[in-house]
Amino acid sequence: MPSNRNRRSVILVIEDVEETRYGIKRLLTVSGNQVVTARDEEDAVLLARIRAPDLILMCLGLDAAHALPLTQRIRARARLSEKLPIVVFCDGDLREGAEEEAGYRVYLSSPENFDQIRALVGRLLR
């Protein structure tokens, strides 16, 4: 029977821009994760039900006020645990590179580069 220690984390990336979706997927796959991608809420709900992700990254260019209700809808519609971390890369008043917890394991972030994304993902999946 395979050990859970050898299990690769499943990350669901929700991004509407194809090039960005591809870049994030490539970055996280090279880091040893399984990555599935969605371009919108409907795709995300379907994939979350099928793949049971360990982490969701949302990169839809939303501000926090619009992103938080979206995370709640996805979590409810896909029947995801409140313990599942969801990171929202949002536009707005966050300091560059800082993340803030918005409750229910939703993190708001505006990273400056891929290294910050990789570090945040690594920390949340530990």
N, C-alpha and C. Protein backbone atom coordinates (compact mmCIF):
# COMPACT_ATOMS: atom_id res chain seq x y z
N MET A 1 0.85 -1.18 0.00
CA MET A 1 0.00 0.00 0.00
C MET A 1 0.89 1.25 0.00
N PRO A 2 0.64 2.24 -0.88
CA PRO A 2 1.49 3.42 -0.96
C PRO A 2 1.40 4.27 0.29
N SER A 3 2.51 4.89 0.63
CA SER A 3 2.56 5.77 1.79
C SER A 3 2.03 7.15 1.42
N ASN A 4 1.33 7.79 2.37
CA ASN A 4 0.84 9.15 2.15
C ASN A 4 1.99 10.13 2.02
N ARG A 5 3.16 9.78 2.58
CA ARG A 5 4.32 10.67 2.47
C ARG A 5 4.77 10.83 1.03
N ASN A 6 4.51 9.82 0.21
CA ASN A 6 4.91 9.89 -1.20
C ASN A 6 3.84 10.51 -2.08
N ARG A 7 2.68 10.80 -1.53
CA ARG A 7 1.57 11.35 -2.29
C ARG A 7 1.88 12.81 -2.66
N ARG A 8 1.74 13.12 -3.91
CA ARG A 8 1.95 14.50 -4.35
C ARG A 8 0.68 15.30 -4.07
N SER A 9 0.85 16.53 -3.66
CA SER A 9 -0.28 17.41 -3.38
C SER A 9 -0.99 17.77 -4.68
N VAL A 10 -2.30 17.87 -4.59
CA VAL A 10 -3.11 18.29 -5.74
C VAL A 10 -3.47 19.76 -5.53
N ILE A 11 -3.12 20.58 -6.50
CA ILE A 11 -3.43 22.00 -6.44
C ILE A 11 -4.34 22.35 -7.60
N LEU A 12 -5.43 23.01 -7.29
CA LEU A 12 -6.36 23.49 -8.31
C LEU A 12 -6.05 24.97 -8.54
N VAL A 13 -5.70 25.31 -9.77
CA VAL A 13 -5.41 26.69 -10.14
C VAL A 13 -6.59 27.21 -10.97
N ILE A 14 -7.18 28.30 -10.50
CA ILE A 14 -8.29 28.93 -11.21
C ILE A 14 -7.78 30.26 -11.76
N GLU A 15 -7.70 30.33 -13.08
CA GLU A 15 -7.13 31.51 -13.75
C GLU A 15 -7.77 31.64 -15.11
N ASP A 16 -8.24 32.82 -15.45
CA ASP A 16 -8.92 33.00 -16.73
C ASP A 16 -7.98 33.32 -17.89
N VAL A 17 -6.73 33.69 -17.62
CA VAL A 17 -5.77 34.00 -18.67
C VAL A 17 -4.92 32.75 -18.93
N GLU A 18 -5.00 32.23 -20.14
CA GLU A 18 -4.35 30.96 -20.47
C GLU A 18 -2.84 30.97 -20.21
N GLU A 19 -2.14 32.02 -20.59
CA GLU A 19 -0.69 32.07 -20.42
C GLU A 19 -0.31 32.03 -18.94
N THR A 20 -1.05 32.75 -18.12
CA THR A 20 -0.78 32.76 -16.68
C THR A 20 -1.09 31.40 -16.08
N ARG A 21 -2.20 30.82 -16.49
CA ARG A 21 -2.60 29.48 -16.01
C ARG A 21 -1.49 28.48 -16.32
N TYR A 22 -0.97 28.52 -17.53
CA TYR A 22 0.10 27.61 -17.95
C TYR A 22 1.38 27.85 -17.13
N GLY A 23 1.74 29.11 -16.94
CA GLY A 23 2.96 29.43 -16.18
C GLY A 23 2.89 28.95 -14.75
N ILE A 24 1.76 29.16 -14.10
CA ILE A 24 1.61 28.72 -12.71
C ILE A 24 1.60 27.20 -12.65
N LYS A 25 0.91 26.55 -13.59
CA LYS A 25 0.89 25.09 -13.62
C LYS A 25 2.30 24.54 -13.78
N ARG A 26 3.05 25.10 -14.68
CA ARG A 26 4.42 24.63 -14.92
C ARG A 26 5.29 24.81 -13.67
N LEU A 27 5.21 25.97 -13.05
CA LEU A 27 5.98 26.26 -11.84
C LEU A 27 5.67 25.23 -10.74
N LEU A 28 4.40 24.98 -10.51
CA LEU A 28 4.00 24.08 -9.42
C LEU A 28 4.25 22.62 -9.75
N THR A 29 4.16 22.25 -11.02
CA THR A 29 4.45 20.88 -11.43
C THR A 29 5.93 20.58 -11.25
N VAL A 30 6.79 21.51 -11.65
CA VAL A 30 8.24 21.35 -11.47
C VAL A 30 8.58 21.22 -9.99
N SER A 31 7.78 21.84 -9.14
CA SER A 31 8.01 21.76 -7.69
C SER A 31 7.49 20.45 -7.10
N GLY A 32 6.95 19.56 -7.94
CA GLY A 32 6.54 18.24 -7.48
C GLY A 32 5.07 18.07 -7.15
N ASN A 33 4.24 18.99 -7.56
CA ASN A 33 2.81 18.91 -7.27
C ASN A 33 2.03 18.40 -8.48
N GLN A 34 0.85 17.87 -8.22
CA GLN A 34 -0.10 17.59 -9.29
C GLN A 34 -0.95 18.85 -9.42
N VAL A 35 -1.10 19.35 -10.63
CA VAL A 35 -1.82 20.60 -10.83
C VAL A 35 -2.93 20.38 -11.84
N VAL A 36 -4.14 20.82 -11.46
CA VAL A 36 -5.26 20.85 -12.40
C VAL A 36 -5.67 22.30 -12.53
N THR A 37 -6.15 22.66 -13.71
CA THR A 37 -6.47 24.07 -13.95
C THR A 37 -7.92 24.24 -14.38
N ALA A 38 -8.45 25.38 -13.99
CA ALA A 38 -9.81 25.77 -14.36
C ALA A 38 -9.77 27.21 -14.82
N ARG A 39 -10.66 27.55 -15.74
CA ARG A 39 -10.67 28.94 -16.23
C ARG A 39 -11.78 29.78 -15.61
N ASP A 40 -12.73 29.12 -14.91
CA ASP A 40 -13.82 29.87 -14.31
C ASP A 40 -14.45 29.08 -13.16
N GLU A 41 -15.47 29.66 -12.55
CA GLU A 41 -16.12 29.04 -11.39
C GLU A 41 -16.71 27.67 -11.72
N GLU A 42 -17.35 27.54 -12.87
CA GLU A 42 -17.97 26.26 -13.24
C GLU A 42 -16.93 25.15 -13.36
N ASP A 43 -15.85 25.41 -14.08
CA ASP A 43 -14.76 24.43 -14.20
C ASP A 43 -14.19 24.10 -12.82
N ALA A 44 -14.00 25.11 -12.00
CA ALA A 44 -13.41 24.92 -10.68
C ALA A 44 -14.26 23.99 -9.81
N VAL A 45 -15.56 24.20 -9.81
CA VAL A 45 -16.46 23.37 -9.00
C VAL A 45 -16.38 21.92 -9.47
N LEU A 46 -16.46 21.70 -10.76
CA LEU A 46 -16.40 20.35 -11.31
C LEU A 46 -15.08 19.66 -10.95
N LEU A 47 -13.97 20.33 -11.20
CA LEU A 47 -12.66 19.75 -10.91
C LEU A 47 -12.43 19.52 -9.42
N ALA A 48 -12.92 20.43 -8.59
CA ALA A 48 -12.76 20.27 -7.14
C ALA A 48 -13.51 19.04 -6.65
N ARG A 49 -14.68 18.79 -7.21
CA ARG A 49 -15.44 17.59 -6.82
C ARG A 49 -14.72 16.33 -7.25
N ILE A 50 -14.14 16.34 -8.44
CA ILE A 50 -13.48 15.15 -8.98
C ILE A 50 -12.12 14.90 -8.33
N ARG A 51 -11.31 15.94 -8.17
CA ARG A 51 -9.91 15.78 -7.76
C ARG A 51 -9.63 16.01 -6.28
N ALA A 52 -10.55 16.55 -5.51
CA ALA A 52 -10.34 16.82 -4.07
C ALA A 52 -8.98 17.47 -3.82
N PRO A 53 -8.81 18.73 -4.22
CA PRO A 53 -7.51 19.38 -4.10
C PRO A 53 -7.08 19.60 -2.65
N ASP A 54 -5.77 19.72 -2.46
CA ASP A 54 -5.19 20.04 -1.15
C ASP A 54 -5.07 21.55 -0.97
N LEU A 55 -5.15 22.28 -2.07
CA LEU A 55 -5.00 23.72 -2.07
C LEU A 55 -5.62 24.27 -3.34
N ILE A 56 -6.25 25.45 -3.24
CA ILE A 56 -6.78 26.13 -4.42
C ILE A 56 -6.08 27.49 -4.52
N LEU A 57 -5.62 27.81 -5.73
CA LEU A 57 -5.08 29.13 -6.04
C LEU A 57 -6.03 29.78 -7.03
N MET A 58 -6.55 30.95 -6.67
CA MET A 58 -7.43 31.70 -7.57
C MET A 58 -6.70 32.95 -8.02
N CYS A 59 -6.61 33.13 -9.32
CA CYS A 59 -5.87 34.26 -9.89
C CYS A 59 -6.75 34.96 -10.91
N LEU A 60 -7.85 35.50 -10.50
CA LEU A 60 -8.82 36.03 -11.46
C LEU A 60 -8.82 37.54 -11.56
N GLY A 61 -7.82 38.20 -11.01
CA GLY A 61 -7.75 39.65 -11.11
C GLY A 61 -8.89 40.36 -10.38
N LEU A 62 -9.35 39.75 -9.30
CA LEU A 62 -10.47 40.32 -8.53
C LEU A 62 -9.94 41.08 -7.33
N ASP A 63 -10.72 42.05 -6.87
CA ASP A 63 -10.37 42.65 -5.59
C ASP A 63 -10.98 41.77 -4.49
N ALA A 64 -10.55 41.99 -3.26
CA ALA A 64 -10.97 41.14 -2.14
C ALA A 64 -12.49 41.12 -1.97
N ALA A 65 -13.15 42.24 -2.18
CA ALA A 65 -14.59 42.30 -1.99
C ALA A 65 -15.35 41.35 -2.92
N HIS A 66 -14.84 41.14 -4.13
CA HIS A 66 -15.49 40.23 -5.08
C HIS A 66 -14.96 38.81 -4.96
N ALA A 67 -13.71 38.67 -4.53
CA ALA A 67 -13.09 37.35 -4.46
C ALA A 67 -13.64 36.51 -3.31
N LEU A 68 -13.89 37.12 -2.17
CA LEU A 68 -14.34 36.34 -1.01
C LEU A 68 -15.68 35.64 -1.24
N PRO A 69 -16.70 36.32 -1.79
CA PRO A 69 -17.94 35.59 -2.07
C PRO A 69 -17.75 34.46 -3.08
N LEU A 70 -16.83 34.64 -4.03
CA LEU A 70 -16.55 33.60 -5.00
C LEU A 70 -15.95 32.37 -4.31
N THR A 71 -15.02 32.58 -3.39
CA THR A 71 -14.44 31.43 -2.68
C THR A 71 -15.52 30.70 -1.88
N GLN A 72 -16.43 31.44 -1.30
CA GLN A 72 -17.52 30.81 -0.52
C GLN A 72 -18.44 29.99 -1.43
N ARG A 73 -18.74 30.51 -2.61
CA ARG A 73 -19.60 29.77 -3.55
C ARG A 73 -18.91 28.49 -4.02
N ILE A 74 -17.64 28.60 -4.38
CA ILE A 74 -16.91 27.41 -4.84
C ILE A 74 -16.83 26.38 -3.73
N ARG A 75 -16.50 26.82 -2.52
CA ARG A 75 -16.39 25.90 -1.39
C ARG A 75 -17.73 25.19 -1.14
N ALA A 76 -18.83 25.94 -1.19
CA ALA A 76 -20.15 25.35 -0.94
C ALA A 76 -20.59 24.43 -2.08
N ARG A 77 -20.46 24.90 -3.31
CA ARG A 77 -20.93 24.12 -4.46
C ARG A 77 -20.12 22.84 -4.67
N ALA A 78 -18.82 22.87 -4.35
CA ALA A 78 -17.97 21.69 -4.52
C ALA A 78 -17.92 20.84 -3.24
N ARG A 79 -18.63 21.31 -2.21
CA ARG A 79 -18.66 20.61 -0.92
C ARG A 79 -17.26 20.42 -0.34
N LEU A 80 -16.49 21.50 -0.29
CA LEU A 80 -15.13 21.48 0.20
C LEU A 80 -15.08 21.85 1.68
N SER A 81 -14.17 21.26 2.39
CA SER A 81 -13.99 21.53 3.81
C SER A 81 -13.55 22.98 4.04
N GLU A 82 -13.95 23.53 5.18
CA GLU A 82 -13.48 24.86 5.55
C GLU A 82 -12.00 24.84 5.90
N LYS A 83 -11.43 23.65 6.06
CA LYS A 83 -10.00 23.52 6.36
C LYS A 83 -9.13 23.63 5.10
N LEU A 84 -9.73 23.47 3.94
CA LEU A 84 -8.97 23.55 2.68
C LEU A 84 -8.50 24.98 2.46
N PRO A 85 -7.18 25.19 2.33
CA PRO A 85 -6.71 26.56 2.08
C PRO A 85 -6.99 27.01 0.65
N ILE A 86 -7.47 28.23 0.54
CA ILE A 86 -7.70 28.87 -0.76
C ILE A 86 -6.91 30.17 -0.75
N VAL A 87 -6.04 30.33 -1.74
CA VAL A 87 -5.26 31.56 -1.87
C VAL A 87 -5.83 32.35 -3.03
N VAL A 88 -6.15 33.60 -2.77
CA VAL A 88 -6.69 34.48 -3.80
C VAL A 88 -5.64 35.55 -4.10
N PHE A 89 -5.13 35.53 -5.32
CA PHE A 89 -4.23 36.59 -5.75
C PHE A 89 -5.12 37.71 -6.25
N CYS A 90 -5.19 38.78 -5.47
CA CYS A 90 -6.16 39.82 -5.80
C CYS A 90 -5.49 41.17 -5.98
N ASP A 91 -6.22 42.02 -6.67
CA ASP A 91 -5.81 43.40 -6.83
C ASP A 91 -6.34 44.15 -5.62
N GLY A 92 -5.71 45.23 -5.28
CA GLY A 92 -6.27 46.01 -4.19
C GLY A 92 -5.22 46.56 -3.27
N ASP A 93 -5.61 46.71 -2.01
CA ASP A 93 -4.83 47.45 -1.04
C ASP A 93 -3.79 46.64 -0.27
N LEU A 94 -3.53 45.40 -0.66
CA LEU A 94 -2.53 44.61 0.05
C LEU A 94 -1.13 45.10 -0.29
N ARG A 95 -0.26 45.02 0.70
CA ARG A 95 1.16 45.30 0.42
C ARG A 95 1.66 44.23 -0.53
N GLU A 96 2.49 44.58 -1.46
CA GLU A 96 3.06 43.60 -2.38
C GLU A 96 3.78 42.51 -1.61
N GLY A 97 3.47 41.25 -1.92
CA GLY A 97 4.16 40.13 -1.32
C GLY A 97 3.65 39.72 0.05
N ALA A 98 2.71 40.46 0.62
CA ALA A 98 2.19 40.11 1.94
C ALA A 98 0.87 39.37 1.76
N GLU A 99 0.62 38.42 2.65
CA GLU A 99 -0.68 37.78 2.57
C GLU A 99 -1.41 37.98 3.89
N GLU A 100 -2.72 37.98 3.81
CA GLU A 100 -3.57 38.17 4.98
C GLU A 100 -4.61 37.07 4.98
N GLU A 101 -4.93 36.56 6.18
CA GLU A 101 -5.97 35.55 6.26
C GLU A 101 -7.31 36.25 6.39
N ALA A 102 -8.26 35.83 5.55
CA ALA A 102 -9.58 36.46 5.53
C ALA A 102 -10.62 35.54 6.17
N GLY A 103 -10.22 34.54 6.90
CA GLY A 103 -11.15 33.62 7.55
C GLY A 103 -11.42 32.41 6.69
N TYR A 104 -11.81 31.33 7.35
CA TYR A 104 -12.10 30.06 6.66
C TYR A 104 -10.96 29.63 5.76
N ARG A 105 -9.73 29.85 6.21
CA ARG A 105 -8.54 29.45 5.46
C ARG A 105 -8.52 30.02 4.05
N VAL A 106 -8.94 31.25 3.92
CA VAL A 106 -8.81 31.98 2.65
C VAL A 106 -7.72 33.02 2.86
N TYR A 107 -6.74 33.02 1.98
CA TYR A 107 -5.62 33.93 2.08
C TYR A 107 -5.63 34.87 0.89
N LEU A 108 -5.46 36.14 1.18
CA LEU A 108 -5.38 37.15 0.13
C LEU A 108 -3.92 37.49 -0.07
N SER A 109 -3.49 37.51 -1.30
CA SER A 109 -2.08 37.74 -1.57
C SER A 109 -1.92 38.50 -2.88
N SER A 110 -0.84 39.25 -2.97
CA SER A 110 -0.47 39.89 -4.24
C SER A 110 1.03 39.70 -4.40
N PRO A 111 1.45 38.50 -4.82
CA PRO A 111 2.88 38.20 -4.92
C PRO A 111 3.53 38.99 -6.06
N GLU A 112 4.80 39.25 -5.87
CA GLU A 112 5.57 39.99 -6.88
C GLU A 112 6.18 39.06 -7.91
N ASN A 113 6.37 37.76 -7.56
CA ASN A 113 7.04 36.86 -8.49
C ASN A 113 6.70 35.41 -8.17
N PHE A 114 7.17 34.51 -9.03
CA PHE A 114 6.87 33.09 -8.85
C PHE A 114 7.51 32.50 -7.60
N ASP A 115 8.65 33.04 -7.16
CA ASP A 115 9.28 32.53 -5.95
C ASP A 115 8.38 32.73 -4.73
N GLN A 116 7.67 33.84 -4.68
CA GLN A 116 6.76 34.09 -3.57
C GLN A 116 5.56 33.14 -3.64
N ILE A 117 5.09 32.84 -4.85
CA ILE A 117 4.00 31.87 -4.99
C ILE A 117 4.47 30.51 -4.49
N ARG A 118 5.63 30.09 -4.93
CA ARG A 118 6.17 28.77 -4.52
C ARG A 118 6.34 28.71 -3.00
N ALA A 119 6.86 29.75 -2.37
CA ALA A 119 7.06 29.75 -0.93
C ALA A 119 5.72 29.69 -0.18
N LEU A 120 4.74 30.44 -0.64
CA LEU A 120 3.43 30.43 0.00
C LEU A 120 2.77 29.06 -0.13
N VAL A 121 2.83 28.47 -1.30
CA VAL A 121 2.26 27.14 -1.52
C VAL A 121 2.96 26.11 -0.61
N GLY A 122 4.27 26.16 -0.55
CA GLY A 122 5.01 25.23 0.29
C GLY A 122 4.62 25.35 1.74
N ARG A 123 4.47 26.58 2.22
CA ARG A 123 4.09 26.80 3.62
C ARG A 123 2.68 26.27 3.91
N LEU A 124 1.75 26.50 3.02
CA LEU A 124 0.36 26.08 3.25
C LEU A 124 0.18 24.57 3.12
N LEU A 125 1.02 23.91 2.36
CA LEU A 125 0.88 22.47 2.18
C LEU A 125 1.65 21.65 3.23
N ARG A 126 2.43 22.30 4.05
CA ARG A 126 3.17 21.57 5.10
C ARG A 126 2.25 21.00 6.12
